[in-house]
């Protein structure tokens, strides 16, 4: 997200002496992406962020693919996955390719006994149910139902929950997550026709600084392996930082839909983008107002992308028998459209209360065995009259 932010205490000039009250020097860290060409932030630590005291091994957490070449329309009952007390162990990968992995999760407890860092991917955690606090080395962000939590790769964090009722849809991207470039001007500011603006994006506000030494477990994910590192100082020892690379929250309820006289194509719902896929938000909105408009989407062929829809709430007018937490996958190369009757019954409707998250990928998605375990059989036949 190209927007400058600062929190805590920082020196007047970067890469210069910044002393503590006792005269010792703070330890500066550049937290950057894409070499030295992408977005970055400068962090100032009480202790060196490099003090590894023990390596405790690793486990394989890469998705286990069951269907490599998928040419079948699929539907998954997302709420049917098992709940798990641990945040990371609750994550169930269901769809994956080299660019993105989509997870479902029902975590029950905060991960207070360890810290987590994903160095492979940016993460977008959509909070379907639950609320709490995202705690990071750059500060804390309260979150609520309907929030997207955008966490850049390499960010050390913990998640603190209010209670056990948590349901998440997690998008793990091997590419940086950006706001759509067509909604930004040359300087990076979101334009007047954007469906959201900078006021809607919530960065860290509460910076907690811990001056503690001891044994601090950080689980680091790289190349599908989860490594256990023990550090000699608390990772949240940052006294201040500034820059462009930091986590933030955006509520799907703050997305302002773009409508028109006739049916608008899916790009008007776009919320985030990468070179390899986009994320869209389908929100409550007025329908098309041409007197002969058909609000239901027209049949269309996904020639270049797989389409994934995660159904959050409301009555999704183009589908029959859809439940909250359900996922549909319509692969590239097969035309799809409204279910039988949806086209006709949409005529004359004035508005919709549907709420959903869509992910369109430009490479085919593979299914894991966990996805097949919650699949609705024969979904591909559901267009037969």
Protein backbone atom coordinates (compact mmCIF):
# COMPACT_ATOMS: atom_id res chain seq x y z
CA UNK A 1 0.00 0.00 0.00
CA UNK A 2 1.92 3.12 -1.17
CA UNK A 3 1.18 5.45 1.76
CA UNK A 4 3.65 6.83 4.30
CA UNK A 5 3.05 6.04 7.99
CA UNK A 6 5.05 6.46 11.18
CA UNK A 7 4.60 5.36 14.78
CA UNK A 8 6.69 5.77 17.93
CA UNK A 9 10.07 7.51 18.16
CA UNK A 10 12.49 7.80 15.24
CA UNK A 11 15.63 9.92 14.61
CA UNK A 12 15.59 13.04 12.45
CA UNK A 13 17.68 11.38 9.72
CA UNK A 14 17.79 7.72 8.70
CA UNK A 15 20.98 5.68 9.15
CA UNK A 16 22.24 8.05 11.87
CA UNK A 17 22.94 7.62 15.60
CA UNK A 18 19.71 7.18 17.59
CA UNK A 19 20.50 6.85 21.29
CA UNK A 20 18.47 5.43 24.15
CA UNK A 21 18.06 7.38 27.37
CA UNK A 22 21.04 5.48 28.85
CA UNK A 23 23.26 6.53 25.95
CA UNK A 24 23.28 3.19 24.13
CA UNK A 25 22.35 3.03 20.44
CA UNK A 26 19.10 1.67 19.01
CA UNK A 27 19.43 -1.00 16.31
CA UNK A 28 18.07 0.00 12.92
CA UNK A 29 16.49 -2.54 10.54
CA UNK A 30 15.34 -2.05 6.96
CA UNK A 31 12.15 -4.08 6.42
CA UNK A 32 11.80 -4.10 2.62
CA UNK A 33 10.52 -6.02 -0.38
CA UNK A 34 11.60 -6.72 -3.98
CA UNK A 35 15.23 -6.19 -3.16
CA UNK A 36 15.68 -2.49 -2.49
CA UNK A 37 13.12 -1.54 -5.13
CA UNK A 38 9.82 -2.26 -3.36
CA UNK A 39 8.04 -0.74 -0.40
CA UNK A 40 10.00 -0.65 2.86
CA UNK A 41 9.97 0.60 6.43
CA UNK A 42 12.78 1.44 8.86
CA UNK A 43 12.47 -0.10 12.34
CA UNK A 44 14.39 0.88 15.48
CA UNK A 45 14.92 -1.97 17.98
CA UNK A 46 16.07 -2.03 21.58
CA UNK A 47 18.09 -5.19 20.80
CA UNK A 48 19.63 -6.57 17.60
CA UNK A 49 16.93 -8.46 15.64
CA UNK A 50 19.50 -11.12 14.72
CA UNK A 51 20.09 -13.02 17.98
CA UNK A 52 19.15 -16.63 17.24
CA UNK A 53 19.82 -18.86 20.24
CA UNK A 54 18.47 -22.20 18.99
CA UNK A 55 17.12 -23.94 15.87
CA UNK A 56 14.49 -26.56 16.72
CA UNK A 57 13.83 -28.12 13.32
CA UNK A 58 10.99 -27.84 10.86
CA UNK A 59 7.84 -29.54 9.57
CA UNK A 60 6.32 -29.68 6.09
CA UNK A 61 3.12 -27.59 5.83
CA UNK A 62 2.93 -27.35 2.04
CA UNK A 63 -0.47 -28.11 0.43
CA UNK A 64 -0.95 -31.75 -0.54
CA UNK A 65 -2.47 -31.67 -4.02
CA UNK A 66 -5.06 -34.30 -4.96
CA UNK A 67 -6.36 -32.89 -8.27
CA UNK A 68 -3.73 -31.28 -10.52
CA UNK A 69 -5.63 -30.71 -13.76
CA UNK A 70 -9.09 -29.54 -12.75
CA UNK A 71 -11.72 -28.98 -15.45
CA UNK A 72 -14.77 -29.43 -13.25
CA UNK A 73 -16.95 -26.81 -11.57
CA UNK A 74 -16.74 -27.41 -7.81
CA UNK A 75 -18.44 -26.34 -4.60
CA UNK A 76 -17.00 -26.77 -1.11
CA UNK A 77 -18.78 -26.53 2.26
CA UNK A 78 -16.27 -24.29 3.97
CA UNK A 79 -17.83 -24.42 7.43
CA UNK A 80 -17.41 -28.23 7.47
CA UNK A 81 -13.67 -28.07 8.21
CA UNK A 82 -12.63 -29.04 11.75
CA UNK A 83 -11.93 -26.36 14.34
CA UNK A 84 -8.50 -26.31 15.98
CA UNK A 85 -7.18 -24.52 19.03
CA UNK A 86 -3.91 -23.51 17.36
CA UNK A 87 -3.94 -20.63 14.86
CA UNK A 88 -1.53 -22.18 12.36
CA UNK A 89 -2.77 -25.75 12.67
CA UNK A 90 -6.32 -24.54 12.05
CA UNK A 91 -5.40 -23.46 8.50
CA UNK A 92 -6.73 -25.89 5.89
CA UNK A 93 -5.38 -25.33 2.34
CA UNK A 94 -8.07 -26.08 -0.25
CA UNK A 95 -6.97 -24.47 -3.53
CA UNK A 96 -3.44 -23.69 -4.68
CA UNK A 97 -1.05 -22.84 -7.51
CA UNK A 98 2.41 -21.25 -7.68
CA UNK A 99 0.95 -17.77 -7.11
CA UNK A 100 -1.65 -18.22 -4.39
CA UNK A 101 -2.97 -20.67 -1.81
CA UNK A 102 -6.47 -20.33 -0.36
CA UNK A 103 -7.06 -21.57 3.17
CA UNK A 104 -10.06 -22.00 5.44
CA UNK A 105 -9.59 -21.79 9.20
CA UNK A 106 -11.57 -22.08 12.43
CA UNK A 107 -9.01 -21.16 15.13
CA UNK A 108 -10.18 -21.23 18.73
CA UNK A 109 -7.29 -19.81 20.74
CA UNK A 110 -4.85 -16.90 20.47
CA UNK A 111 -1.26 -17.85 19.57
CA UNK A 112 0.32 -16.34 22.68
CA UNK A 113 3.03 -18.99 23.10
CA UNK A 114 4.82 -18.22 19.83
CA UNK A 115 5.18 -15.63 17.07
CA UNK A 116 4.68 -16.25 13.34
CA UNK A 117 6.45 -14.98 10.23
CA UNK A 118 5.61 -15.93 6.66
CA UNK A 119 8.58 -15.06 4.43
CA UNK A 120 7.09 -16.76 1.36
CA UNK A 121 3.90 -14.77 0.97
CA UNK A 122 1.80 -11.75 1.74
CA UNK A 123 -1.32 -12.78 3.62
CA UNK A 124 -4.87 -11.49 3.40
CA UNK A 125 -6.96 -12.86 6.27
CA UNK A 126 -10.67 -12.26 5.76
CA UNK A 127 -12.45 -12.29 9.13
CA UNK A 128 -15.80 -13.99 8.48
CA UNK A 129 -16.63 -14.53 12.15
CA UNK A 130 -14.91 -13.25 15.28
CA UNK A 131 -12.97 -10.24 16.44
CA UNK A 132 -9.76 -9.51 18.25
CA UNK A 133 -6.40 -7.86 17.76
CA UNK A 134 -3.60 -8.36 15.22
CA UNK A 135 -0.40 -7.82 17.21
CA UNK A 136 2.74 -7.06 15.19
CA UNK A 137 6.25 -5.68 15.64
CA UNK A 138 4.95 -2.44 14.05
CA UNK A 139 1.94 -2.11 16.35
CA UNK A 140 -1.51 -3.52 16.93
CA UNK A 141 -4.67 -3.40 14.82
CA UNK A 142 -8.11 -4.26 16.29
CA UNK A 143 -10.18 -6.32 13.86
CA UNK A 144 -13.85 -7.18 13.47
CA UNK A 145 -16.15 -9.32 11.33
CA UNK A 146 -15.82 -8.37 7.67
CA UNK A 147 -12.24 -7.10 7.93
CA UNK A 148 -9.48 -7.91 5.48
CA UNK A 149 -6.18 -8.06 7.38
CA UNK A 150 -3.38 -7.39 4.87
CA UNK A 151 -0.06 -8.64 6.28
CA UNK A 152 3.11 -8.16 4.19
CA UNK A 153 5.59 -11.02 3.99
CA UNK A 154 8.22 -11.07 6.72
CA UNK A 155 5.96 -9.40 9.29
CA UNK A 156 6.21 -11.02 12.74
CA UNK A 157 2.78 -11.25 14.33
CA UNK A 158 0.39 -12.85 16.77
CA UNK A 159 -3.42 -12.98 16.67
CA UNK A 160 -5.42 -12.40 19.83
CA UNK A 161 -9.10 -13.47 19.74
CA UNK A 162 -12.05 -12.28 21.80
CA UNK A 163 -13.56 -15.80 21.99
CA UNK A 164 -13.52 -19.22 20.27
CA UNK A 165 -15.98 -18.43 17.47
CA UNK A 166 -13.59 -17.58 14.64
CA UNK A 167 -13.90 -18.37 10.95
CA UNK A 168 -11.35 -17.13 8.41
CA UNK A 169 -10.81 -17.21 4.64
CA UNK A 170 -7.06 -16.78 4.07
CA UNK A 171 -5.38 -15.74 0.81
CA UNK A 172 -1.64 -16.45 0.76
CA UNK A 173 0.05 -14.62 -2.13
CA UNK A 174 3.55 -15.11 -3.51
CA UNK A 175 3.20 -11.59 -4.98
CA UNK A 176 2.81 -8.31 -3.07
CA UNK A 177 -0.78 -7.23 -2.43
CA UNK A 178 -1.64 -3.79 -3.82
CA UNK A 179 -4.70 -1.59 -4.20
CA UNK A 180 -5.87 -1.53 -7.87
CA UNK A 181 -3.65 0.76 -9.93
CA UNK A 182 -6.58 2.14 -11.94
CA UNK A 183 -7.91 3.62 -8.70
CA UNK A 184 -4.62 5.44 -7.95
CA UNK A 185 -3.08 8.55 -9.44
CA UNK A 186 0.56 8.92 -10.47
CA UNK A 187 1.52 9.67 -6.85
CA UNK A 188 -0.30 6.64 -5.42
CA UNK A 189 -3.30 8.47 -3.96
CA UNK A 190 -6.67 6.75 -4.34
CA UNK A 191 -8.79 8.70 -6.82
CA UNK A 192 -12.30 10.09 -6.43
CA UNK A 193 -13.91 7.24 -8.38
CA UNK A 194 -12.25 4.57 -6.21
CA UNK A 195 -14.75 2.45 -4.22
CA UNK A 196 -12.75 3.16 -1.06
CA UNK A 197 -10.19 5.71 0.10
CA UNK A 198 -7.28 6.07 2.52
CA UNK A 199 -9.65 6.90 5.38
CA UNK A 200 -10.98 3.35 5.17
CA UNK A 201 -7.53 1.73 5.58
CA UNK A 202 -6.56 1.17 9.22
CA UNK A 203 -2.84 0.87 9.96
CA UNK A 204 -1.20 0.06 13.31
CA UNK A 205 -2.10 2.56 16.04
CA UNK A 206 -0.87 1.03 19.30
CA UNK A 207 2.87 0.34 19.48
CA UNK A 208 3.77 -1.97 22.37
CA UNK A 209 7.51 -2.13 23.08
CA UNK A 210 8.88 -5.06 25.10
CA UNK A 211 12.38 -4.83 26.59
CA UNK A 212 12.74 -8.51 27.42
CA UNK A 213 15.48 -11.13 27.03
CA UNK A 214 14.93 -14.87 27.24
CA UNK A 215 13.65 -17.53 24.84
CA UNK A 216 11.11 -16.42 22.23
CA UNK A 217 9.80 -18.96 19.73
CA UNK A 218 9.19 -17.64 16.20
CA UNK A 219 7.66 -20.02 13.65
CA UNK A 220 9.00 -19.02 10.22
CA UNK A 221 7.38 -20.34 7.04
CA UNK A 222 9.62 -20.65 3.98
CA UNK A 223 9.25 -22.84 0.87
CA UNK A 224 6.43 -24.81 2.42
CA UNK A 225 8.36 -25.64 5.60
CA UNK A 226 7.63 -24.25 9.06
CA UNK A 227 10.89 -23.65 10.95
CA UNK A 228 11.09 -23.16 14.72
CA UNK A 229 13.59 -20.42 15.64
CA UNK A 230 14.33 -19.36 19.20
CA UNK A 231 15.46 -15.74 19.60
CA UNK A 232 17.18 -14.25 22.64
CA UNK A 233 15.07 -11.07 22.79
CA UNK A 234 11.39 -10.23 22.40
CA UNK A 235 10.60 -9.56 18.70
CA UNK A 236 8.25 -6.71 19.64
CA UNK A 237 11.05 -4.43 20.90
CA UNK A 238 10.52 -1.71 18.28
CA UNK A 239 10.44 1.81 19.73
CA UNK A 240 9.50 3.49 16.46
CA UNK A 241 9.35 3.08 12.70
CA UNK A 242 8.37 4.82 9.49
CA UNK A 243 7.82 3.87 5.88
CA UNK A 244 5.40 2.28 3.46
CA UNK A 245 5.61 -1.43 4.33
CA UNK A 246 3.25 -2.37 7.17
CA UNK A 247 0.06 -4.33 7.90
CA UNK A 248 -3.36 -2.76 7.67
CA UNK A 249 -7.06 -3.60 7.91
CA UNK A 250 -9.89 -2.80 5.51
CA UNK A 251 -13.53 -3.65 6.18
CA UNK A 252 -15.59 -5.13 3.36
CA UNK A 253 -18.44 -3.02 4.77
CA UNK A 254 -16.49 0.13 3.78
CA UNK A 255 -16.38 -0.90 0.12
CA UNK A 256 -18.69 1.38 -1.90
CA UNK A 257 -20.12 -0.59 -4.86
CA UNK A 258 -20.05 0.86 -8.35
CA UNK A 259 -23.42 0.47 -10.09
CA UNK A 260 -24.85 1.38 -13.49
CA UNK A 261 -27.94 1.29 -15.72
CA UNK A 262 -27.04 -2.21 -16.92
CA UNK A 263 -25.11 -5.07 -15.31
CA UNK A 264 -21.54 -4.13 -14.42
CA UNK A 265 -18.66 -6.62 -14.99
CA UNK A 266 -16.74 -8.16 -12.06
CA UNK A 267 -13.77 -5.69 -12.23
CA UNK A 268 -15.96 -2.98 -10.65
CA UNK A 269 -15.84 -5.07 -7.46
CA UNK A 270 -12.03 -5.26 -7.42
CA UNK A 271 -10.47 -4.52 -4.04
CA UNK A 272 -6.85 -5.74 -4.28
CA UNK A 273 -4.59 -6.89 -7.08
CA UNK A 274 -1.36 -8.71 -7.86
CA UNK A 275 0.21 -9.59 -11.23
CA UNK A 276 -1.24 -13.11 -10.86
CA UNK A 277 -4.73 -12.70 -9.37
CA UNK A 278 -7.26 -10.17 -8.10
CA UNK A 279 -9.49 -10.01 -5.02
CA UNK A 280 -13.00 -8.58 -5.34
CA UNK A 281 -15.74 -7.68 -2.83
CA UNK A 282 -19.41 -8.26 -3.68
CA UNK A 283 -21.37 -6.04 -1.32
CA UNK A 284 -24.99 -4.96 -0.74
CA UNK A 285 -25.92 -2.54 -3.51
CA UNK A 286 -28.68 -1.18 -5.72
CA UNK A 287 -29.31 -3.16 -8.88
CA UNK A 288 -29.13 -1.85 -12.43
CA UNK A 289 -31.75 0.83 -13.17
CA UNK A 290 -32.33 0.53 -16.92
CA UNK A 291 -36.06 -0.31 -17.25
CA UNK A 292 -35.26 -3.54 -19.09
CA UNK A 293 -32.06 -4.44 -17.21
CA UNK A 294 -31.34 -8.02 -16.17
CA UNK A 295 -29.49 -7.72 -12.82
CA UNK A 296 -28.26 -11.32 -12.84
CA UNK A 297 -24.81 -11.75 -14.42
CA UNK A 298 -24.77 -12.91 -18.02
CA UNK A 299 -23.22 -16.26 -18.89
CA UNK A 300 -19.51 -15.80 -19.40
CA UNK A 301 -16.49 -17.90 -20.24
CA UNK A 302 -13.45 -17.89 -17.99
CA UNK A 303 -10.92 -18.20 -20.79
CA UNK A 304 -7.98 -16.73 -18.88
CA UNK A 305 -8.77 -17.27 -15.20
CA UNK A 306 -10.19 -19.57 -12.56
CA UNK A 307 -12.96 -17.92 -10.52
CA UNK A 308 -13.34 -18.60 -6.80
CA UNK A 309 -16.24 -17.19 -4.78
CA UNK A 310 -16.35 -17.33 -0.99
CA UNK A 311 -19.91 -16.67 0.20
CA UNK A 312 -20.08 -14.55 3.34
CA UNK A 313 -23.71 -13.58 3.92
CA UNK A 314 -27.01 -12.65 2.32
CA UNK A 315 -28.88 -14.08 -0.65
CA UNK A 316 -26.49 -14.51 -3.57
CA UNK A 317 -28.98 -13.97 -6.38
CA UNK A 318 -27.14 -15.81 -9.16
CA UNK A 319 -26.84 -19.10 -7.25
CA UNK A 320 -29.33 -21.60 -5.84
CA UNK A 321 -28.87 -23.32 -2.47
CA UNK A 322 -25.80 -21.37 -1.39
CA UNK A 323 -24.75 -21.37 2.28
CA UNK A 324 -22.48 -19.10 4.31
CA UNK A 325 -18.85 -20.22 4.14
CA UNK A 326 -19.38 -22.09 0.87
CA UNK A 327 -16.76 -21.87 -1.89
CA UNK A 328 -17.38 -22.30 -5.60
CA UNK A 329 -14.67 -22.86 -8.19
CA UNK A 330 -15.35 -22.25 -11.89
CA UNK A 331 -12.23 -23.19 -13.88
CA UNK A 332 -10.91 -21.42 -16.95
CA UNK A 333 -12.23 -22.68 -20.27
CA UNK A 334 -15.78 -23.54 -19.14
CA UNK A 335 -18.66 -21.03 -19.50
CA UNK A 336 -20.75 -20.49 -16.41
CA UNK A 337 -23.52 -18.19 -15.29
CA UNK A 338 -26.69 -17.95 -13.20
CA UNK A 339 -28.32 -21.09 -11.90
CA UNK A 340 -31.66 -22.11 -13.45
CA UNK A 341 -34.34 -19.54 -12.60
CA UNK A 342 -31.90 -16.93 -11.25
CA UNK A 343 -31.78 -15.01 -14.55
CA UNK A 344 -35.55 -14.65 -14.71
CA UNK A 345 -36.25 -13.94 -11.04
CA UNK A 346 -33.67 -11.14 -10.94
CA UNK A 347 -35.69 -9.02 -13.40
CA UNK A 348 -37.34 -6.13 -11.62
CA UNK A 349 -35.37 -6.56 -8.40
CA UNK A 350 -34.13 -3.27 -6.95
CA UNK A 351 -31.25 -4.32 -4.68
CA UNK A 352 -29.24 -7.19 -3.24
CA UNK A 353 -27.88 -7.90 0.23
CA UNK A 354 -25.25 -10.38 -0.97
CA UNK A 355 -21.78 -10.37 0.58
CA UNK A 356 -18.94 -12.40 -0.92
CA UNK A 357 -15.20 -12.41 -1.62
CA UNK A 358 -13.98 -13.39 -5.07
CA UNK A 359 -10.49 -14.46 -6.15
CA UNK A 360 -9.75 -14.67 -9.88
CA UNK A 361 -6.45 -16.33 -10.72
CA UNK A 362 -4.63 -16.25 -14.06
CA UNK A 363 -3.21 -19.76 -13.61
CA UNK A 364 -5.26 -22.91 -12.93
CA UNK A 365 -5.92 -23.87 -9.33
CA UNK A 366 -5.25 -27.34 -7.94
CA UNK A 367 -7.41 -28.99 -5.28
CA UNK A 368 -6.12 -30.53 -2.07
CA UNK A 369 -7.49 -33.66 -0.45
CA UNK A 370 -8.94 -31.44 2.30
CA UNK A 371 -10.97 -29.69 -0.42
CA UNK A 372 -12.33 -32.99 -1.73
CA UNK A 373 -13.33 -33.96 1.81
CA UNK A 374 -15.79 -31.04 1.98
CA UNK A 375 -16.91 -31.06 -1.66
CA UNK A 376 -20.56 -30.95 -2.65
CA UNK A 377 -20.80 -33.80 -5.14
CA UNK A 378 -22.29 -33.25 -8.60
CA UNK A 379 -22.29 -29.44 -8.27
CA UNK A 380 -21.27 -29.29 -11.93
CA UNK A 381 -24.72 -30.72 -12.84
CA UNK A 382 -26.62 -27.98 -11.02
CA UNK A 383 -27.26 -25.95 -14.21
CA UNK A 384 -29.46 -28.67 -15.72
CA UNK A 385 -33.11 -27.56 -15.87
